[in-house]
Amino acid sequence: MLTDNPDDKQFHKRIWLSLLSHRQWDGVLNLRHREGAVIPVKVHMSAHMSEQGELLHYCAYFHPLESTEELRLTEPMAQTKQSPH
């Protein structure tokens, strides 16, 4: 489960399409803390390939958005930003 809303299949589909076609995805996810709070997190996911072009693994980097200002600055990313690579 990637987000607080596991029923958002279209959102998850856009993430996977970006990973498969561009080998990366950047955006904001709302993750639920084990204590129940929802935390907005800036995420960069990327596919790591072998020299032969085979998928080795996926990596994800998370950066909690601490302030309203950080969240406002990343709002355009919330709509599944796709990178050209």
C-alpha atoms as a PDB file:
ATOM      1  CA  MET A   1       0.000   0.000   0.000  1.00  0.00           C
ATOM      2  CA  LEU A   2       1.524   3.299  -1.061  1.00  0.00           C
ATOM      3  CA  THR A   3      -0.956   5.827   0.278  1.00  0.00           C
ATOM      4  CA  ASP A   4      -3.526   6.419   2.965  1.00  0.00           C
ATOM      5  CA  ASN A   5      -6.213   5.607   0.380  1.00  0.00           C
ATOM      6  CA  PRO A   6      -5.639   2.041  -0.884  1.00  0.00           C
ATOM      7  CA  ASP A   7      -8.732   2.329  -3.101  1.00  0.00           C
ATOM      8  CA  ASP A   8      -7.123   4.952  -5.341  1.00  0.00           C
ATOM      9  CA  LYS A   9      -6.256   2.454  -8.078  1.00  0.00           C
ATOM     10  CA  GLN A  10      -5.833   5.088 -10.810  1.00  0.00           C
ATOM     11  CA  PHE A  11      -3.238   6.943  -8.738  1.00  0.00           C
ATOM     12  CA  HIS A  12      -1.275   3.727  -8.146  1.00  0.00           C
ATOM     13  CA  LYS A  13      -1.595   2.858 -11.838  1.00  0.00           C
ATOM     14  CA  ARG A  14      -0.080   6.239 -12.839  1.00  0.00           C
ATOM     15  CA  ILE A  15       2.849   5.626 -10.486  1.00  0.00           C
ATOM     16  CA  TRP A  16       3.550   2.183 -11.996  1.00  0.00           C
ATOM     17  CA  LEU A  17       3.134   3.442 -15.578  1.00  0.00           C
ATOM     18  CA  SER A  18       5.699   6.150 -14.874  1.00  0.00           C
ATOM     19  CA  LEU A  19       8.094   3.631 -13.300  1.00  0.00           C
ATOM     20  CA  LEU A  20       7.708   1.261 -16.243  1.00  0.00           C
ATOM     21  CA  SER A  21       7.968   3.859 -19.023  1.00  0.00           C
ATOM     22  CA  HIS A  22      10.297   6.483 -17.483  1.00  0.00           C
ATOM     23  CA  ARG A  23      11.978   4.372 -14.789  1.00  0.00           C
ATOM     24  CA  GLN A  24      11.113   6.951 -12.134  1.00  0.00           C
ATOM     25  CA  TRP A  25       8.304   8.788 -10.387  1.00  0.00           C
ATOM     26  CA  ASP A  26       8.265  11.925  -8.234  1.00  0.00           C
ATOM     27  CA  GLY A  27       5.320  13.053  -6.184  1.00  0.00           C
ATOM     28  CA  VAL A  28       3.689  13.500  -2.817  1.00  0.00           C
ATOM     29  CA  LEU A  29       2.094  10.643  -0.906  1.00  0.00           C
ATOM     30  CA  ASN A  30      -0.002  10.844   2.234  1.00  0.00           C
ATOM     31  CA  LEU A  31       1.321   8.098   4.459  1.00  0.00           C
ATOM     32  CA  ARG A  32      -0.331   6.997   7.684  1.00  0.00           C
ATOM     33  CA  HIS A  33       1.917   6.902  10.740  1.00  0.00           C
ATOM     34  CA  ARG A  34       1.569   3.861  12.974  1.00  0.00           C
ATOM     35  CA  GLU A  35      -0.053   6.149  15.561  1.00  0.00           C
ATOM     36  CA  GLY A  36      -2.743   7.130  13.039  1.00  0.00           C
ATOM     37  CA  ALA A  37      -1.621  10.565  11.854  1.00  0.00           C
ATOM     38  CA  VAL A  38      -1.505  11.204   8.094  1.00  0.00           C
ATOM     39  CA  ILE A  39       1.871  12.596   7.018  1.00  0.00           C
ATOM     40  CA  PRO A  40       2.485  14.191   3.584  1.00  0.00           C
ATOM     41  CA  VAL A  41       5.780  12.884   2.201  1.00  0.00           C
ATOM     42  CA  LYS A  42       7.710  13.913  -0.904  1.00  0.00           C
ATOM     43  CA  VAL A  43       8.785  10.721  -2.682  1.00  0.00           C
ATOM     44  CA  HIS A  44      11.235   9.877  -5.465  1.00  0.00           C
ATOM     45  CA  MET A  45      11.024   6.296  -6.791  1.00  0.00           C
ATOM     46  CA  SER A  46      13.344   4.869  -9.392  1.00  0.00           C
ATOM     47  CA  ALA A  47      13.999   1.592 -11.180  1.00  0.00           C
ATOM     48  CA  HIS A  48      17.609   0.419 -11.093  1.00  0.00           C
ATOM     49  CA  MET A  49      18.711  -1.548 -14.134  1.00  0.00           C
ATOM     50  CA  SER A  50      21.639  -3.841 -14.905  1.00  0.00           C
ATOM     51  CA  GLU A  51      24.089  -3.035 -17.693  1.00  0.00           C
ATOM     52  CA  GLN A  52      22.071  -5.458 -19.839  1.00  0.00           C
ATOM     53  CA  GLY A  53      18.895  -3.439 -19.225  1.00  0.00           C
ATOM     54  CA  GLU A  54      17.272  -5.892 -16.815  1.00  0.00           C
ATOM     55  CA  LEU A  55      15.419  -4.612 -13.766  1.00  0.00           C
ATOM     56  CA  LEU A  56      17.441  -5.147 -10.594  1.00  0.00           C
ATOM     57  CA  HIS A  57      15.249  -3.400  -8.026  1.00  0.00           C
ATOM     58  CA  TYR A  58      13.240  -0.298  -7.168  1.00  0.00           C
ATOM     59  CA  CYS A  59      14.392   2.354  -4.706  1.00  0.00           C
ATOM     60  CA  ALA A  60      12.269   4.971  -2.974  1.00  0.00           C
ATOM     61  CA  TYR A  61      13.456   8.034  -1.101  1.00  0.00           C
ATOM     62  CA  PHE A  62      11.098   9.741   1.329  1.00  0.00           C
ATOM     63  CA  HIS A  63      11.270  13.308   2.640  1.00  0.00           C
ATOM     64  CA  PRO A  64       8.626  14.344   5.197  1.00  0.00           C
ATOM     65  CA  LEU A  65       7.085  17.715   4.412  1.00  0.00           C
ATOM     66  CA  GLU A  66       7.407  19.540   7.705  1.00  0.00           C
ATOM     67  CA  SER A  67       5.704  22.818   6.901  1.00  0.00           C
ATOM     68  CA  THR A  68       2.731  24.153   4.996  1.00  0.00           C
ATOM     69  CA  GLU A  69       5.201  26.087   2.830  1.00  0.00           C
ATOM     70  CA  GLU A  70       7.007  22.890   1.781  1.00  0.00           C
ATOM     71  CA  LEU A  71       3.670  21.271   0.971  1.00  0.00           C
ATOM     72  CA  ARG A  72       2.561  24.295  -1.088  1.00  0.00           C
ATOM     73  CA  LEU A  73       5.817  24.237  -3.058  1.00  0.00           C
ATOM     74  CA  THR A  74       5.341  20.567  -3.971  1.00  0.00           C
ATOM     75  CA  GLU A  75       1.622  20.727  -4.884  1.00  0.00           C
ATOM     76  CA  PRO A  76       2.314  20.500  -8.646  1.00  0.00           C
ATOM     77  CA  MET A  77       4.128  17.209  -7.967  1.00  0.00           C
ATOM     78  CA  ALA A  78       1.030  15.709  -6.355  1.00  0.00           C
ATOM     79  CA  GLN A  79      -0.402  15.005  -9.803  1.00  0.00           C
ATOM     80  CA  THR A  80       2.183  12.335 -10.699  1.00  0.00           C
ATOM     81  CA  LYS A  81       5.066  14.242 -12.222  1.00  0.00           C
ATOM     82  CA  GLN A  82       6.724  12.096 -14.870  1.00  0.00           C
ATOM     83  CA  SER A  83      10.363  12.529 -15.699  1.00  0.00           C
ATOM     84  CA  PRO A  84      11.610  12.174 -19.269  1.00  0.00           C
ATOM     85  CA  HIS A  85      14.282   9.580 -18.353  1.00  0.00           C
END
